[in-house]
């Protein structure tokens, strides 16, 4: 399942991010892995991102920006 989210923070060292799922004021996910195919310069706070969820929320991966 892919969900829209808003980028709240990006850690370029570990290539992880904190995101707020669209439509939720209180649900923020931390330490979400970011695809290495996305240049770090594209990870601007406030930007929309596409988050891929597999079986577990711990396996979430940011696969795109918009």
Protein backbone atom coordinates (compact mmCIF):
# COMPACT_ATOMS: atom_id res chain seq x y z
CA UNK A 1 0.00 0.00 0.00
CA UNK A 2 1.29 3.49 -0.84
CA UNK A 3 0.27 6.50 1.26
CA UNK A 4 0.95 10.23 0.89
CA UNK A 5 2.86 11.98 3.65
CA UNK A 6 4.60 15.27 4.41
CA UNK A 7 8.33 15.27 5.07
CA UNK A 8 9.07 16.69 8.52
CA UNK A 9 12.80 15.85 8.85
CA UNK A 10 15.54 14.12 6.85
CA UNK A 11 18.74 12.52 8.11
CA UNK A 12 21.19 12.43 5.19
CA UNK A 13 23.73 10.38 7.16
CA UNK A 14 21.41 7.42 7.78
CA UNK A 15 19.10 8.18 4.83
CA UNK A 16 16.01 8.11 7.03
CA UNK A 17 13.16 10.54 7.50
CA UNK A 18 10.35 11.61 9.78
CA UNK A 19 7.00 11.96 8.03
CA UNK A 20 3.44 12.95 8.89
CA UNK A 21 0.84 10.83 7.13
CA UNK A 22 -1.60 12.90 5.09
CA UNK A 23 -4.88 13.47 6.88
CA UNK A 24 -3.44 12.77 10.32
CA UNK A 25 -2.41 15.56 12.65
CA UNK A 26 -0.98 13.31 15.34
CA UNK A 27 0.56 10.34 13.50
CA UNK A 28 4.23 10.89 12.69
CA UNK A 29 6.55 8.06 11.66
CA UNK A 30 10.23 8.30 12.53
CA UNK A 31 13.26 6.51 11.08
CA UNK A 32 11.48 5.72 7.82
CA UNK A 33 14.00 4.46 5.29
CA UNK A 34 14.43 6.54 2.13
CA UNK A 35 15.17 5.02 -1.27
CA UNK A 36 18.76 5.71 -2.29
CA UNK A 37 17.37 6.49 -5.75
CA UNK A 38 16.07 9.80 -4.35
CA UNK A 39 18.81 12.47 -4.24
CA UNK A 40 19.24 14.03 -0.80
CA UNK A 41 18.69 17.47 -2.35
CA UNK A 42 15.10 16.46 -3.14
CA UNK A 43 14.34 15.74 0.54
CA UNK A 44 13.13 19.23 1.49
CA UNK A 45 11.09 19.62 4.68
CA UNK A 46 7.43 20.25 3.86
CA UNK A 47 7.55 18.37 0.58
CA UNK A 48 5.10 15.60 -0.22
CA UNK A 49 6.44 12.05 -0.25
CA UNK A 50 5.07 8.64 -1.23
CA UNK A 51 5.52 6.01 1.48
CA UNK A 52 5.36 2.31 0.59
CA UNK A 53 4.07 0.08 3.39
CA UNK A 54 4.69 -3.64 3.32
CA UNK A 55 3.57 -6.04 6.05
CA UNK A 56 4.99 -4.17 9.05
CA UNK A 57 5.13 -0.39 9.57
CA UNK A 58 8.84 -0.84 10.42
CA UNK A 59 9.35 -1.88 6.78
CA UNK A 60 8.03 1.44 5.39
CA UNK A 61 10.08 3.02 2.60
CA UNK A 62 9.87 6.45 0.98
CA UNK A 63 9.80 5.72 -2.74
CA UNK A 64 9.02 9.12 -4.24
CA UNK A 65 8.70 12.87 -3.76
CA UNK A 66 6.23 15.32 -5.24
